[in-house]
Amino acid sequence: MAGLTLIFACVFLALAIMHGSGAAEEVCSKFSYEQEIIASVLKMKLNVEQMEQEIKKTQEDILKVLEEQREKMEKFAKDYITMRDILVVVMENKTAEVAKVLDNKTAEVDKVLRETSVVEQPKLSVAFTAHTTDHYTSKTGDQTIIFPSVVTNVGDAYNQTSGEFVTPTPGTYYFFTSILSWIGDAFWAYIAVNGSRKTTLYERGADGGYGMASQAIVIKLNEGDRVTVKTTQSGEKIFGAGYTTFSGFLIN
């Protein structure tokens, strides 16, 4: 507005000067010239007002755009914070889920390893030696010889009442028996597993003397197998007093 006032002041000053110096000019020529000047001034005023309006509109548009950008930035910041919080929660949940899955899988693997791994059990110590005390005469064939006097019975696998060795654990075993005959008599005997003959002994006392026969066997047995020494037939005479023995032990 200060610019317009200055313009009008200049215009009126110019009109005054022209009026004073051109008194001799014709009135209609002067009036026409003044009209042109006034029209130019008015046109200039309109142009200035239009420019001011355009400048104002441009300022308003710029402010509007800036406000929209500010609102978008604020919205973006809020969305970012919200998204960040969501991602944090999701990652925490996923981390917990992954940890839980890993724990479960680890437990499953440990269980499978425990179930499938072969844990070597310590081998039992098994060994025994027993012998007869009294002289013995078999009453029937396939009669079990009883060795009632126990010298060693590690593992308690030998039964001194029944004369049986009952396998406490699977493995390879060694058995040995030594039998002394009566003077001038013969005898037949054998080592049996579950009643089945595995190896046989025979001896006859010669020239009015005694006869000693021995037999050994290495055999693989299952748990619960029964090992005995049996006579072959009735009437077998066996010398006691600790001369007739039965022994065995677990090899591996």
Protein backbone atom coordinates (compact mmCIF):
# COMPACT_ATOMS: atom_id res chain seq x y z
CA MET A 1 0.00 0.00 0.00
CA ALA A 2 2.91 2.35 0.60
CA GLY A 3 4.02 1.70 -2.98
CA LEU A 4 0.62 2.70 -4.38
CA THR A 5 0.60 5.94 -2.39
CA LEU A 6 4.02 6.83 -3.79
CA ILE A 7 2.84 6.09 -7.32
CA PHE A 8 -0.21 8.36 -6.96
CA ALA A 9 1.92 11.11 -5.47
CA CYS A 10 4.24 10.98 -8.46
CA VAL A 11 1.32 10.98 -10.89
CA PHE A 12 -0.32 14.06 -9.35
CA LEU A 13 3.01 15.83 -9.21
CA ALA A 14 3.52 15.16 -12.88
CA LEU A 15 0.00 16.42 -13.65
CA ALA A 16 0.63 19.62 -11.70
CA ILE A 17 3.88 20.22 -13.51
CA MET A 18 2.30 19.63 -16.87
CA HIS A 19 -0.61 21.86 -15.98
CA GLY A 20 1.61 24.75 -14.97
CA SER A 21 4.01 24.55 -17.92
CA GLY A 22 1.45 23.80 -20.60
CA ALA A 23 -1.15 26.46 -19.98
CA ALA A 24 -0.91 27.37 -23.61
CA GLU A 25 -1.82 23.94 -24.82
CA GLU A 26 -5.31 23.19 -25.66
CA VAL A 27 -7.67 21.99 -22.94
CA CYS A 28 -8.88 18.85 -24.75
CA SER A 29 -5.33 17.70 -25.51
CA LYS A 30 -4.38 18.08 -21.87
CA PHE A 31 -7.48 16.23 -20.69
CA SER A 32 -6.82 13.34 -23.06
CA TYR A 33 -3.27 13.03 -21.83
CA GLU A 34 -4.36 13.07 -18.20
CA GLN A 35 -6.87 10.34 -18.93
CA GLU A 36 -4.19 8.15 -20.38
CA ILE A 37 -2.03 8.67 -17.35
CA ILE A 38 -4.92 7.93 -14.99
CA ALA A 39 -5.79 4.79 -16.98
CA SER A 40 -2.19 3.63 -16.84
CA VAL A 41 -2.10 4.28 -13.10
CA LEU A 42 -5.35 2.39 -12.58
CA LYS A 43 -4.10 -0.44 -14.71
CA MET A 44 -0.88 -0.49 -12.75
CA LYS A 45 -2.88 -0.52 -9.52
CA LEU A 46 -4.94 -3.46 -10.74
CA ASN A 47 -1.80 -5.31 -11.73
CA VAL A 48 -0.24 -4.68 -8.31
CA GLU A 49 -3.41 -5.82 -6.54
CA GLN A 50 -3.52 -8.93 -8.73
CA MET A 51 0.13 -9.60 -7.99
CA GLU A 52 -0.52 -9.17 -4.27
CA GLN A 53 -3.44 -11.60 -4.52
CA GLU A 54 -1.34 -14.09 -6.44
CA ILE A 55 1.51 -13.70 -3.95
CA LYS A 56 -0.90 -14.18 -1.08
CA LYS A 57 -2.45 -17.24 -2.74
CA THR A 58 1.01 -18.63 -3.41
CA GLN A 59 1.92 -18.07 0.22
CA GLU A 60 -1.28 -19.75 1.31
CA ASP A 61 -0.63 -22.68 -1.05
CA ILE A 62 2.91 -23.01 0.24
CA LEU A 63 1.70 -22.87 3.84
CA LYS A 64 -0.96 -25.46 3.01
CA VAL A 65 1.59 -27.73 1.37
CA LEU A 66 3.94 -27.27 4.32
CA GLU A 67 1.11 -28.04 6.74
CA GLU A 68 0.18 -31.15 4.77
CA GLN A 69 3.80 -32.24 4.75
CA ARG A 70 4.03 -31.59 8.49
CA GLU A 71 0.88 -33.66 9.07
CA LYS A 72 2.26 -36.44 6.86
CA MET A 73 5.55 -36.39 8.75
CA GLU A 74 3.73 -36.53 12.08
CA LYS A 75 1.56 -39.40 10.81
CA PHE A 76 4.66 -41.17 9.48
CA ALA A 77 6.39 -40.70 12.83
CA LYS A 78 3.36 -42.12 14.66
CA ASP A 79 3.09 -45.01 12.19
CA TYR A 80 6.80 -45.66 12.53
CA ILE A 81 6.58 -45.75 16.32
CA THR A 82 3.52 -47.99 16.13
CA MET A 83 5.17 -50.28 13.59
CA ARG A 84 8.35 -50.37 15.66
CA ASP A 85 6.39 -51.31 18.77
CA ILE A 86 4.52 -53.99 16.80
CA LEU A 87 7.77 -55.36 15.42
CA VAL A 88 9.30 -55.41 18.89
CA VAL A 89 6.33 -57.37 20.22
CA VAL A 90 6.36 -59.71 17.23
CA MET A 91 10.10 -60.31 17.52
CA GLU A 92 9.80 -60.94 21.26
CA ASN A 93 6.98 -63.41 20.64
CA LYS A 94 8.85 -65.09 17.79
CA THR A 95 12.00 -65.26 19.88
CA ALA A 96 10.03 -66.87 22.69
CA GLU A 97 8.41 -69.29 20.22
CA VAL A 98 11.77 -70.18 18.68
CA ALA A 99 13.29 -70.68 22.12
CA LYS A 100 10.36 -72.89 23.10
CA VAL A 101 10.66 -74.92 19.89
CA LEU A 102 14.42 -75.28 20.41
CA ASP A 103 13.86 -76.40 23.99
CA ASN A 104 11.27 -78.95 22.84
CA LYS A 105 13.52 -80.22 20.05
CA THR A 106 16.46 -80.41 22.42
CA ALA A 107 14.36 -82.41 24.87
CA GLU A 108 13.21 -84.70 22.04
CA VAL A 109 16.79 -85.23 20.85
CA ASP A 110 17.94 -85.96 24.40
CA LYS A 111 15.09 -88.44 24.80
CA VAL A 112 15.92 -90.16 21.51
CA LEU A 113 19.60 -90.30 22.42
CA ARG A 114 18.77 -91.77 25.80
CA GLU A 115 16.44 -94.33 24.23
CA THR A 116 18.72 -95.28 21.34
CA SER A 117 22.13 -95.03 22.95
CA VAL A 118 23.68 -98.22 24.08
CA VAL A 119 24.77 -97.79 27.64
CA GLU A 120 27.25 -100.47 28.46
CA GLN A 121 26.25 -102.10 31.66
CA PRO A 122 29.06 -103.31 33.86
CA LYS A 123 29.49 -107.05 33.61
CA LEU A 124 28.63 -109.05 36.68
CA SER A 125 31.41 -110.92 38.39
CA VAL A 126 30.38 -114.57 38.24
CA ALA A 127 32.55 -117.45 39.49
CA PHE A 128 32.03 -120.54 41.57
CA THR A 129 33.70 -123.75 42.78
CA ALA A 130 32.00 -126.53 44.72
CA HIS A 131 32.90 -130.12 45.62
CA THR A 132 31.37 -133.29 47.02
CA THR A 133 31.72 -134.23 50.65
CA ASP A 134 30.29 -137.76 50.77
CA HIS A 135 30.83 -140.63 48.40
CA TYR A 136 28.13 -140.77 45.79
CA THR A 137 26.26 -143.52 43.93
CA SER A 138 23.71 -142.54 41.26
CA LYS A 139 20.27 -144.08 41.57
CA THR A 140 19.09 -143.33 38.03
CA GLY A 141 20.48 -142.32 34.70
CA ASP A 142 20.83 -138.60 33.93
CA GLN A 143 20.92 -137.82 37.63
CA THR A 144 22.37 -134.45 38.65
CA ILE A 145 25.44 -134.73 40.83
CA ILE A 146 25.19 -132.50 43.90
CA PHE A 147 28.29 -130.56 44.97
CA PRO A 148 27.17 -129.35 48.40
CA SER A 149 30.38 -127.84 49.68
CA VAL A 150 30.80 -124.37 48.16
CA VAL A 151 34.29 -122.91 48.00
CA THR A 152 33.47 -119.84 45.89
CA ASN A 153 30.12 -118.48 44.71
CA VAL A 154 30.62 -114.94 43.40
CA GLY A 155 27.31 -113.72 42.02
CA ASP A 156 25.35 -116.48 43.84
CA ALA A 157 24.63 -118.28 40.56
CA TYR A 158 25.38 -121.79 41.87
CA ASN A 159 22.74 -123.60 43.93
CA GLN A 160 24.39 -126.06 46.33
CA THR A 161 21.09 -127.80 47.03
CA SER A 162 20.09 -128.58 43.45
CA GLY A 163 23.61 -128.71 42.00
CA GLU A 164 22.58 -126.22 39.27
CA PHE A 165 24.39 -123.19 37.98
CA VAL A 166 21.76 -120.67 36.71
CA THR A 167 23.15 -118.05 34.31
CA PRO A 168 22.59 -114.58 35.84
CA THR A 169 23.59 -112.62 32.71
CA PRO A 170 24.19 -113.46 29.04
CA GLY A 171 27.78 -114.08 28.08
CA THR A 172 30.54 -116.57 27.40
CA TYR A 173 31.28 -118.96 30.24
CA TYR A 174 33.94 -121.51 31.16
CA PHE A 175 32.97 -124.69 33.09
CA PHE A 176 35.21 -127.45 34.48
CA THR A 177 34.47 -130.69 36.32
CA SER A 178 36.83 -133.30 37.79
CA ILE A 179 35.49 -136.65 39.05
CA LEU A 180 37.32 -139.39 40.98
CA SER A 181 36.06 -142.97 40.59
CA TRP A 182 35.85 -145.70 43.15
CA ILE A 183 38.66 -148.27 43.34
CA GLY A 184 38.45 -150.47 40.26
CA ASP A 185 35.08 -149.02 39.15
CA ALA A 186 34.20 -147.11 36.01
CA PHE A 187 31.86 -144.15 35.62
CA TRP A 188 30.29 -142.08 32.85
CA ALA A 189 29.17 -138.45 33.32
CA TYR A 190 28.59 -135.32 31.26
CA ILE A 191 28.19 -131.54 31.47
CA ALA A 192 24.65 -130.50 30.48
CA VAL A 193 23.02 -127.17 29.57
CA ASN A 194 19.26 -127.15 30.17
CA GLY A 195 19.46 -130.94 30.37
CA SER A 196 21.18 -131.27 27.00
CA ARG A 197 24.56 -133.09 26.97
CA LYS A 198 27.46 -130.86 25.87
CA THR A 199 30.60 -132.88 26.78
CA THR A 200 31.17 -136.35 28.32
CA LEU A 201 33.58 -137.87 30.90
CA TYR A 202 34.65 -141.51 31.32
CA GLU A 203 37.10 -143.13 33.72
CA ARG A 204 37.92 -146.58 35.16
CA GLY A 205 40.15 -147.24 38.12
CA ALA A 206 42.84 -149.71 36.94
CA ASP A 207 44.74 -152.34 38.90
CA GLY A 208 42.70 -151.82 42.04
CA GLY A 209 43.31 -148.05 41.97
CA TYR A 210 41.29 -144.89 41.57
CA GLY A 211 40.61 -143.13 38.29
CA MET A 212 40.34 -139.33 37.81
CA ALA A 213 38.61 -137.82 34.75
CA SER A 214 38.25 -134.11 33.93
CA GLN A 215 36.37 -132.16 31.28
CA ALA A 216 36.04 -128.46 30.41
CA ILE A 217 33.82 -126.44 28.11
CA VAL A 218 33.59 -122.82 26.92
CA ILE A 219 30.07 -121.95 25.89
CA LYS A 220 27.90 -118.91 25.20
CA LEU A 221 24.79 -118.82 27.37
CA ASN A 222 21.64 -116.79 27.76
CA GLU A 223 20.27 -115.48 31.02
CA GLY A 224 18.46 -118.25 32.90
CA ASP A 225 20.27 -121.20 31.28
CA ARG A 226 20.97 -124.08 33.67
CA VAL A 227 24.31 -125.91 33.76
CA THR A 228 24.77 -129.22 35.64
CA VAL A 229 26.98 -132.30 35.83
CA LYS A 230 25.00 -135.52 35.39
CA THR A 231 25.68 -139.26 35.58
CA THR A 232 24.97 -141.28 32.46
CA GLN A 233 23.34 -144.29 34.11
CA SER A 234 22.36 -145.62 37.51
CA GLY A 235 24.93 -147.21 39.82
CA GLU A 236 27.73 -144.76 38.96
CA LYS A 237 30.08 -144.61 41.96
CA ILE A 238 31.89 -141.34 42.63
CA PHE A 239 34.44 -140.69 45.33
CA GLY A 240 33.70 -137.72 47.61
CA ALA A 241 35.86 -136.13 50.30
CA GLY A 242 36.54 -133.05 48.10
CA TYR A 243 38.05 -134.98 45.18
CA THR A 244 35.09 -134.44 42.84
CA THR A 245 34.60 -130.79 41.87
CA PHE A 246 32.53 -128.48 39.67
CA SER A 247 33.67 -124.95 38.73
CA GLY A 248 32.73 -122.17 36.33
CA PHE A 249 33.07 -118.45 35.66
CA LEU A 250 31.98 -115.70 33.26
CA ILE A 251 34.60 -114.84 30.62
CA ASN A 252 32.86 -111.87 28.98
